Amino acid sequence: MTDGLMVIYNQLISNEVIVSLCEDRIKFYEYPETGDTSKPFIVIDPLDVPVPTVYASNENHANEYLYQIDVESTNRLQVKEIQAEIKKELKKLGFGQLKDGLDEYFKETKRFVDARRYRGLLKEEVL
């Protein structure tokens, strides 16, 4: 079974820019309330269950995944730089960015948020 979250996470931490700006602040589903919000962070959130799409000999060989990846920071340009690097890394995995998303400044948290959605196929690994 392929763990899409870990595939994406491992791809993101292979990028020097992302690691230098976000360090260990890449989380799944939501950012913890106790997390450091004074620095940029990334949240990877699955929007749907993996959908079997490629079959051969009646066996599933690939699944389609849909994720939203949020970047938050007090620095607007840093958010854009991180999202550009995320897009590059996900392209290497065969993921494409979808329309819709979020590009906002939240007064309550004093943070810029850029949320983008990506869809792609991942080959099913046999354990």
N, C-alpha and C. Protein backbone atom coordinates (compact mmCIF):
# COMPACT_ATOMS: atom_id res chain seq x y z
N MET A 1 0.83 -1.18 0.00
CA MET A 1 0.00 0.00 0.00
C MET A 1 0.88 1.25 0.00
N THR A 2 0.58 2.18 -0.87
CA THR A 2 1.33 3.42 -0.96
C THR A 2 0.75 4.43 0.03
N ASP A 3 1.61 5.07 0.80
CA ASP A 3 1.20 6.14 1.72
C ASP A 3 1.47 7.47 1.02
N GLY A 4 0.44 8.02 0.40
CA GLY A 4 0.59 9.25 -0.37
C GLY A 4 1.12 10.42 0.44
N LEU A 5 0.69 10.53 1.69
CA LEU A 5 1.17 11.62 2.55
C LEU A 5 2.69 11.54 2.72
N MET A 6 3.19 10.34 2.98
CA MET A 6 4.64 10.18 3.19
C MET A 6 5.42 10.37 1.90
N VAL A 7 4.85 9.97 0.77
CA VAL A 7 5.52 10.18 -0.52
C VAL A 7 5.71 11.68 -0.74
N ILE A 8 4.66 12.46 -0.50
CA ILE A 8 4.75 13.91 -0.68
C ILE A 8 5.68 14.52 0.36
N TYR A 9 5.54 14.13 1.61
CA TYR A 9 6.41 14.65 2.67
C TYR A 9 7.89 14.41 2.34
N ASN A 10 8.22 13.19 1.96
CA ASN A 10 9.62 12.87 1.65
C ASN A 10 10.13 13.67 0.45
N GLN A 11 9.26 13.92 -0.52
CA GLN A 11 9.66 14.74 -1.66
C GLN A 11 9.92 16.18 -1.22
N LEU A 12 9.06 16.72 -0.37
CA LEU A 12 9.23 18.10 0.09
C LEU A 12 10.50 18.27 0.91
N ILE A 13 10.82 17.31 1.77
CA ILE A 13 12.02 17.46 2.60
C ILE A 13 13.31 17.20 1.82
N SER A 14 13.18 16.82 0.56
CA SER A 14 14.38 16.70 -0.29
C SER A 14 14.76 18.05 -0.89
N ASN A 15 13.92 19.06 -0.69
CA ASN A 15 14.15 20.40 -1.25
C ASN A 15 14.82 21.29 -0.20
N GLU A 16 16.00 21.81 -0.53
CA GLU A 16 16.78 22.61 0.42
C GLU A 16 16.06 23.88 0.85
N VAL A 17 15.37 24.54 -0.08
CA VAL A 17 14.67 25.79 0.25
C VAL A 17 13.56 25.52 1.26
N ILE A 18 12.77 24.49 0.99
CA ILE A 18 11.67 24.15 1.89
C ILE A 18 12.20 23.79 3.27
N VAL A 19 13.22 22.97 3.33
CA VAL A 19 13.78 22.55 4.62
C VAL A 19 14.38 23.74 5.37
N SER A 20 15.07 24.63 4.65
CA SER A 20 15.70 25.77 5.33
C SER A 20 14.66 26.73 5.90
N LEU A 21 13.52 26.87 5.24
CA LEU A 21 12.50 27.81 5.71
C LEU A 21 11.50 27.18 6.68
N CYS A 22 11.21 25.89 6.50
CA CYS A 22 10.15 25.25 7.31
C CYS A 22 10.68 24.26 8.34
N GLU A 23 11.92 23.82 8.19
CA GLU A 23 12.53 22.86 9.10
C GLU A 23 11.59 21.69 9.40
N ASP A 24 11.20 21.52 10.66
CA ASP A 24 10.33 20.40 11.03
C ASP A 24 8.86 20.81 11.13
N ARG A 25 8.51 21.91 10.49
CA ARG A 25 7.14 22.42 10.56
C ARG A 25 6.34 22.05 9.31
N ILE A 26 6.41 20.78 8.93
CA ILE A 26 5.58 20.23 7.85
C ILE A 26 4.70 19.18 8.51
N LYS A 27 3.40 19.43 8.52
CA LYS A 27 2.47 18.57 9.26
C LYS A 27 1.38 18.03 8.35
N PHE A 28 0.69 16.99 8.83
CA PHE A 28 -0.44 16.40 8.12
C PHE A 28 -1.75 16.84 8.77
N TYR A 29 -2.75 17.09 7.97
CA TYR A 29 -4.13 17.39 8.38
C TYR A 29 -4.32 18.77 9.01
N GLU A 30 -3.57 19.10 10.05
CA GLU A 30 -3.68 20.42 10.68
C GLU A 30 -2.39 20.72 11.43
N TYR A 31 -2.19 22.02 11.69
CA TYR A 31 -1.00 22.43 12.43
C TYR A 31 -1.36 22.44 13.92
N PRO A 32 -0.54 21.82 14.77
CA PRO A 32 -0.88 21.75 16.19
C PRO A 32 -0.93 23.13 16.84
N GLU A 33 -1.83 23.29 17.78
CA GLU A 33 -1.97 24.57 18.49
C GLU A 33 -0.69 24.95 19.21
N THR A 34 0.09 23.97 19.62
CA THR A 34 1.34 24.23 20.33
C THR A 34 2.52 24.43 19.38
N GLY A 35 2.27 24.34 18.07
CA GLY A 35 3.34 24.49 17.08
C GLY A 35 3.84 25.92 17.00
N ASP A 36 5.07 26.08 16.52
CA ASP A 36 5.69 27.39 16.36
C ASP A 36 5.08 28.10 15.16
N THR A 37 4.28 29.13 15.41
CA THR A 37 3.64 29.88 14.32
C THR A 37 4.38 31.17 14.01
N SER A 38 5.53 31.38 14.65
CA SER A 38 6.32 32.58 14.35
C SER A 38 7.16 32.38 13.09
N LYS A 39 7.21 31.15 12.60
CA LYS A 39 7.97 30.81 11.40
C LYS A 39 7.04 30.14 10.40
N PRO A 40 7.44 30.07 9.12
CA PRO A 40 6.58 29.45 8.11
C PRO A 40 6.33 27.97 8.41
N PHE A 41 5.13 27.51 8.03
CA PHE A 41 4.83 26.09 8.17
C PHE A 41 3.95 25.63 7.03
N ILE A 42 3.94 24.30 6.83
CA ILE A 42 3.19 23.66 5.74
C ILE A 42 2.25 22.63 6.35
N VAL A 43 1.03 22.57 5.81
CA VAL A 43 0.07 21.54 6.19
C VAL A 43 -0.36 20.80 4.92
N ILE A 44 -0.19 19.47 4.93
CA ILE A 44 -0.61 18.62 3.81
C ILE A 44 -1.92 17.95 4.23
N ASP A 45 -2.98 18.21 3.47
CA ASP A 45 -4.30 17.72 3.85
C ASP A 45 -4.95 16.94 2.71
N PRO A 46 -5.19 15.63 2.90
CA PRO A 46 -5.89 14.87 1.86
C PRO A 46 -7.33 15.36 1.74
N LEU A 47 -7.80 15.54 0.51
CA LEU A 47 -9.17 16.00 0.29
C LEU A 47 -10.11 14.87 -0.10
N ASP A 48 -9.55 13.72 -0.40
CA ASP A 48 -10.35 12.57 -0.79
C ASP A 48 -9.54 11.31 -0.51
N VAL A 49 -10.21 10.19 -0.50
CA VAL A 49 -9.51 8.92 -0.35
C VAL A 49 -8.82 8.59 -1.67
N PRO A 50 -7.74 7.79 -1.65
CA PRO A 50 -7.12 7.38 -2.91
C PRO A 50 -8.13 6.63 -3.78
N VAL A 51 -8.14 6.96 -5.07
CA VAL A 51 -9.09 6.35 -6.00
C VAL A 51 -8.33 5.43 -6.95
N PRO A 52 -8.62 4.12 -6.96
CA PRO A 52 -7.96 3.21 -7.89
C PRO A 52 -8.24 3.62 -9.33
N THR A 53 -7.18 3.72 -10.16
CA THR A 53 -7.37 4.21 -11.53
C THR A 53 -6.69 3.37 -12.59
N VAL A 54 -5.63 2.68 -12.25
CA VAL A 54 -4.90 1.91 -13.26
C VAL A 54 -4.95 0.44 -12.87
N TYR A 55 -5.50 -0.36 -13.78
CA TYR A 55 -5.64 -1.80 -13.53
C TYR A 55 -4.92 -2.59 -14.62
N ALA A 56 -4.41 -3.74 -14.23
CA ALA A 56 -3.86 -4.71 -15.18
C ALA A 56 -4.09 -6.08 -14.56
N SER A 57 -4.53 -7.01 -15.36
CA SER A 57 -4.85 -8.37 -14.87
C SER A 57 -5.76 -8.32 -13.65
N ASN A 58 -6.70 -7.40 -13.69
CA ASN A 58 -7.69 -7.26 -12.62
C ASN A 58 -7.10 -6.83 -11.28
N GLU A 59 -5.90 -6.24 -11.30
CA GLU A 59 -5.27 -5.75 -10.07
C GLU A 59 -5.00 -4.26 -10.19
N ASN A 60 -5.16 -3.56 -9.07
CA ASN A 60 -4.92 -2.12 -9.03
C ASN A 60 -3.41 -1.84 -9.00
N HIS A 61 -2.95 -0.97 -9.91
CA HIS A 61 -1.53 -0.65 -9.96
C HIS A 61 -1.22 0.81 -9.65
N ALA A 62 -2.25 1.67 -9.62
CA ALA A 62 -2.03 3.08 -9.29
C ALA A 62 -3.32 3.69 -8.74
N ASN A 63 -3.13 4.69 -7.90
CA ASN A 63 -4.26 5.42 -7.33
C ASN A 63 -4.12 6.90 -7.64
N GLU A 64 -5.26 7.56 -7.76
CA GLU A 64 -5.27 9.01 -7.92
C GLU A 64 -5.45 9.63 -6.53
N TYR A 65 -4.64 10.64 -6.25
CA TYR A 65 -4.66 11.32 -4.96
C TYR A 65 -4.99 12.79 -5.16
N LEU A 66 -5.70 13.36 -4.18
CA LEU A 66 -6.06 14.77 -4.19
C LEU A 66 -5.68 15.37 -2.84
N TYR A 67 -4.80 16.38 -2.89
CA TYR A 67 -4.31 17.00 -1.66
C TYR A 67 -4.44 18.51 -1.74
N GLN A 68 -4.61 19.12 -0.58
CA GLN A 68 -4.46 20.57 -0.45
C GLN A 68 -3.22 20.80 0.39
N ILE A 69 -2.37 21.71 -0.07
CA ILE A 69 -1.16 22.03 0.67
C ILE A 69 -1.20 23.51 1.02
N ASP A 70 -1.23 23.78 2.32
CA ASP A 70 -1.29 25.14 2.84
C ASP A 70 0.08 25.57 3.31
N VAL A 71 0.42 26.82 3.01
CA VAL A 71 1.64 27.43 3.54
C VAL A 71 1.21 28.69 4.28
N GLU A 72 1.70 28.85 5.50
CA GLU A 72 1.39 30.04 6.29
C GLU A 72 2.68 30.67 6.80
N SER A 73 2.69 32.01 6.80
CA SER A 73 3.84 32.76 7.30
C SER A 73 3.43 34.21 7.52
N THR A 74 4.21 34.92 8.29
CA THR A 74 3.99 36.36 8.46
C THR A 74 4.59 37.14 7.29
N ASN A 75 5.34 36.46 6.44
CA ASN A 75 6.01 37.09 5.30
C ASN A 75 5.37 36.60 4.00
N ARG A 76 4.69 37.50 3.29
CA ARG A 76 3.96 37.14 2.07
C ARG A 76 4.87 36.54 1.00
N LEU A 77 6.04 37.13 0.80
CA LEU A 77 6.94 36.63 -0.25
C LEU A 77 7.51 35.26 0.09
N GLN A 78 7.70 35.01 1.37
CA GLN A 78 8.17 33.68 1.80
C GLN A 78 7.13 32.61 1.46
N VAL A 79 5.86 32.94 1.68
CA VAL A 79 4.77 32.01 1.36
C VAL A 79 4.82 31.66 -0.12
N LYS A 80 4.99 32.67 -0.98
CA LYS A 80 5.03 32.44 -2.43
C LYS A 80 6.25 31.62 -2.83
N GLU A 81 7.39 31.91 -2.21
CA GLU A 81 8.62 31.16 -2.51
C GLU A 81 8.46 29.68 -2.15
N ILE A 82 7.89 29.42 -0.99
CA ILE A 82 7.70 28.03 -0.55
C ILE A 82 6.72 27.32 -1.47
N GLN A 83 5.61 27.98 -1.83
CA GLN A 83 4.63 27.34 -2.72
C GLN A 83 5.24 27.05 -4.09
N ALA A 84 6.10 27.93 -4.59
CA ALA A 84 6.76 27.68 -5.88
C ALA A 84 7.63 26.43 -5.80
N GLU A 85 8.32 26.26 -4.69
CA GLU A 85 9.17 25.07 -4.50
C GLU A 85 8.31 23.81 -4.35
N ILE A 86 7.19 23.92 -3.65
CA ILE A 86 6.28 22.79 -3.51
C ILE A 86 5.78 22.35 -4.88
N LYS A 87 5.39 23.33 -5.70
CA LYS A 87 4.88 23.02 -7.04
C LYS A 87 5.94 22.27 -7.86
N LYS A 88 7.20 22.71 -7.77
CA LYS A 88 8.30 22.03 -8.49
C LYS A 88 8.44 20.58 -8.02
N GLU A 89 8.41 20.40 -6.71
CA GLU A 89 8.60 19.05 -6.16
C GLU A 89 7.44 18.12 -6.51
N LEU A 90 6.23 18.64 -6.46
CA LEU A 90 5.07 17.80 -6.79
C LEU A 90 5.03 17.47 -8.27
N LYS A 91 5.53 18.38 -9.09
CA LYS A 91 5.60 18.10 -10.53
C LYS A 91 6.51 16.89 -10.79
N LYS A 92 7.58 16.77 -10.01
CA LYS A 92 8.49 15.63 -10.14
C LYS A 92 7.76 14.31 -9.85
N LEU A 93 6.73 14.37 -9.01
CA LEU A 93 5.94 13.18 -8.67
C LEU A 93 4.80 12.95 -9.65
N GLY A 94 4.61 13.90 -10.58
CA GLY A 94 3.53 13.78 -11.55
C GLY A 94 2.23 14.43 -11.10
N PHE A 95 2.29 15.26 -10.07
CA PHE A 95 1.10 15.97 -9.59
C PHE A 95 0.98 17.31 -10.30
N GLY A 96 -0.25 17.68 -10.61
CA GLY A 96 -0.52 18.97 -11.22
C GLY A 96 -1.40 19.81 -10.32
N GLN A 97 -1.18 21.13 -10.39
CA GLN A 97 -1.98 22.04 -9.58
C GLN A 97 -3.35 22.23 -10.21
N LEU A 98 -4.38 22.26 -9.38
CA LEU A 98 -5.75 22.46 -9.83
C LEU A 98 -6.15 23.92 -9.62
N LYS A 99 -7.24 24.32 -10.28
CA LYS A 99 -7.76 25.66 -10.01
C LYS A 99 -8.39 25.66 -8.63
N ASP A 100 -8.74 26.80 -8.17
CA ASP A 100 -9.25 27.02 -6.81
C ASP A 100 -8.09 26.97 -5.82
N GLY A 101 -8.31 27.55 -4.73
CA GLY A 101 -7.30 27.63 -3.69
C GLY A 101 -7.57 28.84 -2.84
N LEU A 102 -6.57 29.30 -2.14
CA LEU A 102 -6.73 30.42 -1.24
C LEU A 102 -5.46 31.25 -1.23
N ASP A 103 -5.60 32.55 -1.31
CA ASP A 103 -4.48 33.48 -1.21
C ASP A 103 -4.99 34.65 -0.38
N GLU A 104 -4.76 34.57 0.92
CA GLU A 104 -5.38 35.53 1.85
C GLU A 104 -4.41 35.98 2.93
N TYR A 105 -4.76 37.11 3.53
CA TYR A 105 -4.11 37.57 4.76
C TYR A 105 -5.18 37.54 5.84
N PHE A 106 -4.89 36.87 6.94
CA PHE A 106 -5.84 36.79 8.05
C PHE A 106 -5.41 37.74 9.16
N LYS A 107 -6.22 38.76 9.40
CA LYS A 107 -5.91 39.77 10.42
C LYS A 107 -5.82 39.15 11.82
N GLU A 108 -6.68 38.16 12.08
CA GLU A 108 -6.72 37.55 13.42
C GLU A 108 -5.38 36.91 13.79
N THR A 109 -4.77 36.25 12.82
CA THR A 109 -3.51 35.54 13.09
C THR A 109 -2.30 36.32 12.59
N LYS A 110 -2.56 37.39 11.82
CA LYS A 110 -1.48 38.19 11.21
C LYS A 110 -0.57 37.32 10.35
N ARG A 111 -1.21 36.42 9.58
CA ARG A 111 -0.46 35.50 8.73
C ARG A 111 -1.03 35.49 7.32
N PHE A 112 -0.12 35.32 6.37
CA PHE A 112 -0.51 35.11 4.98
C PHE A 112 -0.71 33.61 4.79
N VAL A 113 -1.74 33.26 4.03
CA VAL A 113 -2.03 31.85 3.76
C VAL A 113 -2.17 31.66 2.25
N ASP A 114 -1.47 30.66 1.73
CA ASP A 114 -1.59 30.28 0.32
C ASP A 114 -1.88 28.78 0.32
N ALA A 115 -3.09 28.43 -0.09
CA ALA A 115 -3.51 27.03 -0.12
C ALA A 115 -3.76 26.62 -1.56
N ARG A 116 -3.12 25.55 -2.00
CA ARG A 116 -3.25 25.07 -3.38
C ARG A 116 -3.61 23.59 -3.38
N ARG A 117 -4.35 23.21 -4.41
CA ARG A 117 -4.77 21.81 -4.54
C ARG A 117 -4.00 21.14 -5.67
N TYR A 118 -3.64 19.89 -5.42
CA TYR A 118 -2.87 19.12 -6.39
C TYR A 118 -3.50 17.75 -6.55
N ARG A 119 -3.46 17.26 -7.80
CA ARG A 119 -3.95 15.91 -8.10
C ARG A 119 -2.86 15.16 -8.85
N GLY A 120 -2.73 13.87 -8.54
CA GLY A 120 -1.75 13.06 -9.25
C GLY A 120 -1.93 11.58 -8.99
N LEU A 121 -1.24 10.80 -9.81
CA LEU A 121 -1.26 9.34 -9.68
C LEU A 121 0.02 8.87 -9.02
N LEU A 122 -0.13 7.91 -8.13
CA LEU A 122 1.03 7.26 -7.53
C LEU A 122 0.90 5.76 -7.74
N LYS A 123 2.01 5.16 -8.15
CA LYS A 123 2.04 3.72 -8.36
C LYS A 123 1.82 3.03 -7.02
N GLU A 124 1.02 2.00 -7.04
CA GLU A 124 0.71 1.24 -5.82
C GLU A 124 1.90 0.34 -5.48
N GLU A 125 2.41 0.49 -4.26
CA GLU A 125 3.51 -0.34 -3.80
C GLU A 125 2.94 -1.57 -3.11
N VAL A 126 3.56 -2.68 -3.34
CA VAL A 126 3.13 -3.92 -2.69
C VAL A 126 4.00 -4.13 -1.46
N LEU A 127 3.35 -4.30 -0.31
CA LEU A 127 4.10 -4.49 0.94
C LEU A 127 4.38 -5.95 1.18
